[in-house]
Amino acid sequence: MTTLLLIRHGETDWNAEGRLQGHTDRPLNDYGRSQARALAERLAGDSITAVYASDLARARETAEILAERLGLPVVTDADLRERNWGSWEGLTGTERDGVEYVGEASDAHGERVLRAVHRIAELHPGERIVVVTHGGSLRRIQVAAYGMALPVIENCSVWAVAHEDGTFRPIDG
């Protein structure tokens, strides 16, 4: 069994403003960096053997802060990216009203993310690894593990899942 510690990146200015980021490459804000440092301290004594991240700046930077504390490199994977929101990127919920959605299909996003997480888990049998990604990407994994998405995932929160025999199941810690 491989244990995956799935982490949503730290806060960005667009998170704070309620804007969809998707593939738009927004950096962490100062609060997001402090969230990542607190996360790194919390996980410092854990037996983590690898750190993976989406290649987008907000996830990569969160992972780099954590990995530096753990003494590990960060491996980036573009398949861990958030859904490409296309015409809705940068818009708040109100601003999206009346704007036709043209972007990545939900199913295509889910297939891409699950393919990446399966691939990563299979490279690390029996290990405890970190995957830093995005809220929408984490929801796709939740659907695979629970059969449904859970409430909003806070920035820098950790959700543990086991990967065994090609399936996911939620675990504690």
C-alpha atoms as a PDB file:
ATOM      1  CA  MET A   1       0.000   0.000   0.000  1.00  0.00           C
ATOM      2  CA  THR A   2       1.250   3.461  -0.915  1.00  0.00           C
ATOM      3  CA  THR A   3       0.153   6.368   1.265  1.00  0.00           C
ATOM      4  CA  LEU A   4      -0.437   9.619  -0.575  1.00  0.00           C
ATOM      5  CA  LEU A   5      -0.601  12.847   1.390  1.00  0.00           C
ATOM      6  CA  LEU A   6      -2.629  15.013  -0.968  1.00  0.00           C
ATOM      7  CA  ILE A   7      -2.199  18.725  -0.381  1.00  0.00           C
ATOM      8  CA  ARG A   8      -3.871  21.760  -1.874  1.00  0.00           C
ATOM      9  CA  HIS A   9      -1.421  24.590  -2.602  1.00  0.00           C
ATOM     10  CA  GLY A  10      -1.160  27.675  -0.396  1.00  0.00           C
ATOM     11  CA  GLU A  11      -3.270  30.767  -0.932  1.00  0.00           C
ATOM     12  CA  THR A  12      -2.883  33.122  -3.893  1.00  0.00           C
ATOM     13  CA  ASP A  13      -4.360  36.580  -4.338  1.00  0.00           C
ATOM     14  CA  TRP A  14      -6.903  35.087  -6.729  1.00  0.00           C
ATOM     15  CA  ASN A  15      -7.965  32.514  -4.099  1.00  0.00           C
ATOM     16  CA  ALA A  16      -8.578  35.373  -1.684  1.00  0.00           C
ATOM     17  CA  GLU A  17     -10.632  37.193  -4.356  1.00  0.00           C
ATOM     18  CA  GLY A  18     -12.653  34.098  -5.331  1.00  0.00           C
ATOM     19  CA  ARG A  19     -11.301  33.988  -8.892  1.00  0.00           C
ATOM     20  CA  LEU A  20     -10.900  30.774 -10.881  1.00  0.00           C
ATOM     21  CA  GLN A  21      -7.225  30.191 -11.620  1.00  0.00           C
ATOM     22  CA  GLY A  22      -7.159  27.026 -13.690  1.00  0.00           C
ATOM     23  CA  HIS A  23      -3.993  27.006 -15.795  1.00  0.00           C
ATOM     24  CA  THR A  24      -3.316  30.700 -15.130  1.00  0.00           C
ATOM     25  CA  ASP A  25       0.049  30.611 -13.392  1.00  0.00           C
ATOM     26  CA  ARG A  26      -0.501  32.655 -10.221  1.00  0.00           C
ATOM     27  CA  PRO A  27       2.137  32.702  -7.439  1.00  0.00           C
ATOM     28  CA  LEU A  28       1.484  32.241  -3.736  1.00  0.00           C
ATOM     29  CA  ASN A  29       0.817  35.392  -1.765  1.00  0.00           C
ATOM     30  CA  ASP A  30       2.591  36.061   1.546  1.00  0.00           C
ATOM     31  CA  TYR A  31      -0.132  34.302   3.501  1.00  0.00           C
ATOM     32  CA  GLY A  32       0.154  31.279   1.175  1.00  0.00           C
ATOM     33  CA  ARG A  33       3.892  31.118   1.819  1.00  0.00           C
ATOM     34  CA  SER A  34       3.304  31.216   5.579  1.00  0.00           C
ATOM     35  CA  GLN A  35       0.738  28.419   5.188  1.00  0.00           C
ATOM     36  CA  ALA A  36       3.339  26.363   3.304  1.00  0.00           C
ATOM     37  CA  ARG A  37       5.981  26.973   5.988  1.00  0.00           C
ATOM     38  CA  ALA A  38       3.537  25.888   8.722  1.00  0.00           C
ATOM     39  CA  LEU A  39       2.703  22.783   6.699  1.00  0.00           C
ATOM     40  CA  ALA A  40       6.413  22.004   6.316  1.00  0.00           C
ATOM     41  CA  GLU A  41       6.897  22.203  10.081  1.00  0.00           C
ATOM     42  CA  ARG A  42       3.860  19.990  10.683  1.00  0.00           C
ATOM     43  CA  LEU A  43       5.131  17.286   8.296  1.00  0.00           C
ATOM     44  CA  ALA A  44       8.841  17.583   9.162  1.00  0.00           C
ATOM     45  CA  GLY A  45       8.906  14.445  11.319  1.00  0.00           C
ATOM     46  CA  ASP A  46       6.877  12.352   8.893  1.00  0.00           C
ATOM     47  CA  SER A  47       8.510   9.526   6.926  1.00  0.00           C
ATOM     48  CA  ILE A  48       7.920  11.091   3.509  1.00  0.00           C
ATOM     49  CA  THR A  49      10.076   9.696   0.713  1.00  0.00           C
ATOM     50  CA  ALA A  50       9.038  11.817  -2.292  1.00  0.00           C
ATOM     51  CA  VAL A  51       7.358  15.132  -3.123  1.00  0.00           C
ATOM     52  CA  TYR A  52       5.397  15.673  -6.336  1.00  0.00           C
ATOM     53  CA  ALA A  53       3.613  18.816  -7.504  1.00  0.00           C
ATOM     54  CA  SER A  54       1.687  20.351 -10.331  1.00  0.00           C
ATOM     55  CA  ASP A  55       4.021  22.452 -12.452  1.00  0.00           C
ATOM     56  CA  LEU A  56       1.948  25.595 -11.834  1.00  0.00           C
ATOM     57  CA  ALA A  57       3.737  28.145  -9.615  1.00  0.00           C
ATOM     58  CA  ARG A  58       1.320  28.031  -6.676  1.00  0.00           C
ATOM     59  CA  ALA A  59       1.590  24.242  -6.253  1.00  0.00           C
ATOM     60  CA  ARG A  60       5.278  24.052  -7.145  1.00  0.00           C
ATOM     61  CA  GLU A  61       6.223  26.788  -4.653  1.00  0.00           C
ATOM     62  CA  THR A  62       4.177  25.136  -1.886  1.00  0.00           C
ATOM     63  CA  ALA A  63       5.956  21.847  -2.627  1.00  0.00           C
ATOM     64  CA  GLU A  64       9.389  23.514  -2.735  1.00  0.00           C
ATOM     65  CA  ILE A  65       8.891  25.042   0.719  1.00  0.00           C
ATOM     66  CA  LEU A  66       7.844  21.641   2.081  1.00  0.00           C
ATOM     67  CA  ALA A  67      10.540  19.687   0.236  1.00  0.00           C
ATOM     68  CA  GLU A  68      13.317  21.991   1.408  1.00  0.00           C
ATOM     69  CA  ARG A  69      12.338  21.281   5.026  1.00  0.00           C
ATOM     70  CA  LEU A  70      12.229  17.527   4.278  1.00  0.00           C
ATOM     71  CA  GLY A  71      15.508  17.526   2.345  1.00  0.00           C
ATOM     72  CA  LEU A  72      13.855  16.141  -0.787  1.00  0.00           C
ATOM     73  CA  PRO A  73      13.627  17.286  -4.416  1.00  0.00           C
ATOM     74  CA  VAL A  74      10.321  18.247  -6.024  1.00  0.00           C
ATOM     75  CA  VAL A  75       9.189  16.331  -9.092  1.00  0.00           C
ATOM     76  CA  THR A  76       6.694  18.316 -11.177  1.00  0.00           C
ATOM     77  CA  ASP A  77       3.982  16.765 -13.307  1.00  0.00           C
ATOM     78  CA  ALA A  78       1.782  18.858 -15.610  1.00  0.00           C
ATOM     79  CA  ASP A  79      -0.982  16.227 -15.404  1.00  0.00           C
ATOM     80  CA  LEU A  80      -1.581  17.335 -11.788  1.00  0.00           C
ATOM     81  CA  ARG A  81      -2.672  20.782 -12.993  1.00  0.00           C
ATOM     82  CA  GLU A  82      -6.026  22.274 -12.122  1.00  0.00           C
ATOM     83  CA  ARG A  83      -8.794  22.099 -14.682  1.00  0.00           C
ATOM     84  CA  ASN A  84      -8.260  24.501 -17.577  1.00  0.00           C
ATOM     85  CA  TRP A  85     -11.187  26.865 -17.024  1.00  0.00           C
ATOM     86  CA  GLY A  86     -10.574  28.592 -20.373  1.00  0.00           C
ATOM     87  CA  SER A  87     -13.004  31.480 -20.821  1.00  0.00           C
ATOM     88  CA  TRP A  88     -13.785  31.522 -17.077  1.00  0.00           C
ATOM     89  CA  GLU A  89     -10.196  31.867 -15.811  1.00  0.00           C
ATOM     90  CA  GLY A  90      -9.650  34.984 -13.733  1.00  0.00           C
ATOM     91  CA  LEU A  91     -13.378  35.500 -13.185  1.00  0.00           C
ATOM     92  CA  THR A  92     -15.377  35.436  -9.950  1.00  0.00           C
ATOM     93  CA  GLY A  93     -18.696  33.583  -9.719  1.00  0.00           C
ATOM     94  CA  THR A  94     -20.653  36.763 -10.449  1.00  0.00           C
ATOM     95  CA  GLU A  95     -18.412  37.675 -13.376  1.00  0.00           C
ATOM     96  CA  ARG A  96     -18.939  34.214 -14.904  1.00  0.00           C
ATOM     97  CA  ASP A  97     -22.709  34.766 -15.145  1.00  0.00           C
ATOM     98  CA  GLY A  98     -23.553  35.095 -18.801  1.00  0.00           C
ATOM     99  CA  VAL A  99     -20.068  34.115 -20.011  1.00  0.00           C
ATOM    100  CA  GLU A 100     -20.139  30.982 -22.134  1.00  0.00           C
ATOM    101  CA  TYR A 101     -17.816  28.312 -20.763  1.00  0.00           C
ATOM    102  CA  VAL A 102     -15.143  27.167 -23.198  1.00  0.00           C
ATOM    103  CA  GLY A 103     -12.477  25.065 -21.520  1.00  0.00           C
ATOM    104  CA  GLU A 104     -11.456  21.586 -20.382  1.00  0.00           C
ATOM    105  CA  ALA A 105     -14.241  19.071 -19.818  1.00  0.00           C
ATOM    106  CA  SER A 106     -14.632  17.819 -16.256  1.00  0.00           C
ATOM    107  CA  ASP A 107     -14.221  14.185 -17.328  1.00  0.00           C
ATOM    108  CA  ALA A 108     -11.019  14.949 -19.242  1.00  0.00           C
ATOM    109  CA  HIS A 109      -9.597  16.762 -16.212  1.00  0.00           C
ATOM    110  CA  GLY A 110     -10.480  13.848 -13.935  1.00  0.00           C
ATOM    111  CA  GLU A 111      -8.907  11.275 -16.249  1.00  0.00           C
ATOM    112  CA  ARG A 112      -5.704  13.339 -16.511  1.00  0.00           C
ATOM    113  CA  VAL A 113      -5.337  13.794 -12.747  1.00  0.00           C
ATOM    114  CA  LEU A 114      -6.166  10.185 -11.870  1.00  0.00           C
ATOM    115  CA  ARG A 115      -3.730   8.911 -14.485  1.00  0.00           C
ATOM    116  CA  ALA A 116      -0.977  11.022 -12.886  1.00  0.00           C
ATOM    117  CA  VAL A 117      -1.725   9.984  -9.310  1.00  0.00           C
ATOM    118  CA  HIS A 118      -1.917   6.279 -10.237  1.00  0.00           C
ATOM    119  CA  ARG A 119       1.399   6.591 -12.085  1.00  0.00           C
ATOM    120  CA  ILE A 120       3.052   8.358  -9.128  1.00  0.00           C
ATOM    121  CA  ALA A 121       1.738   5.831  -6.584  1.00  0.00           C
ATOM    122  CA  GLU A 122       2.952   2.909  -8.679  1.00  0.00           C
ATOM    123  CA  LEU A 123       6.481   4.385  -8.698  1.00  0.00           C
ATOM    124  CA  HIS A 124       6.534   4.293  -4.873  1.00  0.00           C
ATOM    125  CA  PRO A 125       5.046   1.003  -3.629  1.00  0.00           C
ATOM    126  CA  GLY A 126       4.798   0.883   0.151  1.00  0.00           C
ATOM    127  CA  GLU A 127       6.062   4.446   0.581  1.00  0.00           C
ATOM    128  CA  ARG A 128       4.566   7.639   2.023  1.00  0.00           C
ATOM    129  CA  ILE A 129       4.622  10.441  -0.534  1.00  0.00           C
ATOM    130  CA  VAL A 130       3.299  13.968  -0.928  1.00  0.00           C
ATOM    131  CA  VAL A 131       1.359  15.266  -3.923  1.00  0.00           C
ATOM    132  CA  VAL A 132       0.749  19.031  -3.995  1.00  0.00           C
ATOM    133  CA  THR A 133      -1.993  19.950  -6.411  1.00  0.00           C
ATOM    134  CA  HIS A 134      -5.208  21.996  -6.699  1.00  0.00           C
ATOM    135  CA  GLY A 135      -8.699  21.982  -5.217  1.00  0.00           C
ATOM    136  CA  GLY A 136     -10.419  20.753  -8.370  1.00  0.00           C
ATOM    137  CA  SER A 137      -7.796  18.081  -8.912  1.00  0.00           C
ATOM    138  CA  LEU A 138      -8.212  16.863  -5.330  1.00  0.00           C
ATOM    139  CA  ARG A 139     -11.986  16.650  -5.834  1.00  0.00           C
ATOM    140  CA  ARG A 140     -11.422  14.265  -8.762  1.00  0.00           C
ATOM    141  CA  ILE A 141      -9.402  11.976  -6.456  1.00  0.00           C
ATOM    142  CA  GLN A 142     -12.094  12.238  -3.769  1.00  0.00           C
ATOM    143  CA  VAL A 143     -14.682  11.025  -6.259  1.00  0.00           C
ATOM    144  CA  ALA A 144     -12.457   8.010  -6.992  1.00  0.00           C
ATOM    145  CA  ALA A 145     -11.987   7.278  -3.257  1.00  0.00           C
ATOM    146  CA  TYR A 146     -15.433   8.165  -1.855  1.00  0.00           C
ATOM    147  CA  GLY A 147     -17.700   8.125  -4.883  1.00  0.00           C
ATOM    148  CA  MET A 148     -18.349  11.848  -4.371  1.00  0.00           C
ATOM    149  CA  ALA A 149     -16.538  15.127  -3.837  1.00  0.00           C
ATOM    150  CA  LEU A 150     -16.305  16.448  -0.286  1.00  0.00           C
ATOM    151  CA  PRO A 151     -16.702  20.049   0.896  1.00  0.00           C
ATOM    152  CA  VAL A 152     -14.215  22.719  -0.113  1.00  0.00           C
ATOM    153  CA  ILE A 153     -10.594  21.802   0.516  1.00  0.00           C
ATOM    154  CA  GLU A 154      -8.764  24.582   2.340  1.00  0.00           C
ATOM    155  CA  ASN A 155      -5.385  25.853   1.175  1.00  0.00           C
ATOM    156  CA  CYS A 156      -2.486  23.761   2.555  1.00  0.00           C
ATOM    157  CA  SER A 157      -4.808  21.153   4.027  1.00  0.00           C
ATOM    158  CA  VAL A 158      -3.699  17.508   3.910  1.00  0.00           C
ATOM    159  CA  TRP A 159      -5.879  14.594   2.922  1.00  0.00           C
ATOM    160  CA  ALA A 160      -4.465  11.056   3.166  1.00  0.00           C
ATOM    161  CA  VAL A 161      -5.428   8.322   0.735  1.00  0.00           C
ATOM    162  CA  ALA A 162      -4.152   4.789   0.274  1.00  0.00           C
ATOM    163  CA  HIS A 163      -3.381   3.429  -3.172  1.00  0.00           C
ATOM    164  CA  GLU A 164      -3.499  -0.342  -3.384  1.00  0.00           C
ATOM    165  CA  ASP A 165      -4.278  -2.722  -6.230  1.00  0.00           C
ATOM    166  CA  GLY A 166      -5.021   0.230  -8.524  1.00  0.00           C
ATOM    167  CA  THR A 167      -7.677   1.755  -6.265  1.00  0.00           C
ATOM    168  CA  PHE A 168      -7.863   4.630  -3.816  1.00  0.00           C
ATOM    169  CA  ARG A 169      -9.360   4.600  -0.341  1.00  0.00           C
ATOM    170  CA  PRO A 170      -9.366   7.318   2.309  1.00  0.00           C
ATOM    171  CA  ILE A 171      -7.280   6.792   5.424  1.00  0.00           C
ATOM    172  CA  ASP A 172      -6.482   8.781   8.554  1.00  0.00           C
ATOM    173  CA  GLY A 173      -2.982  10.348   8.599  1.00  0.00           C
END
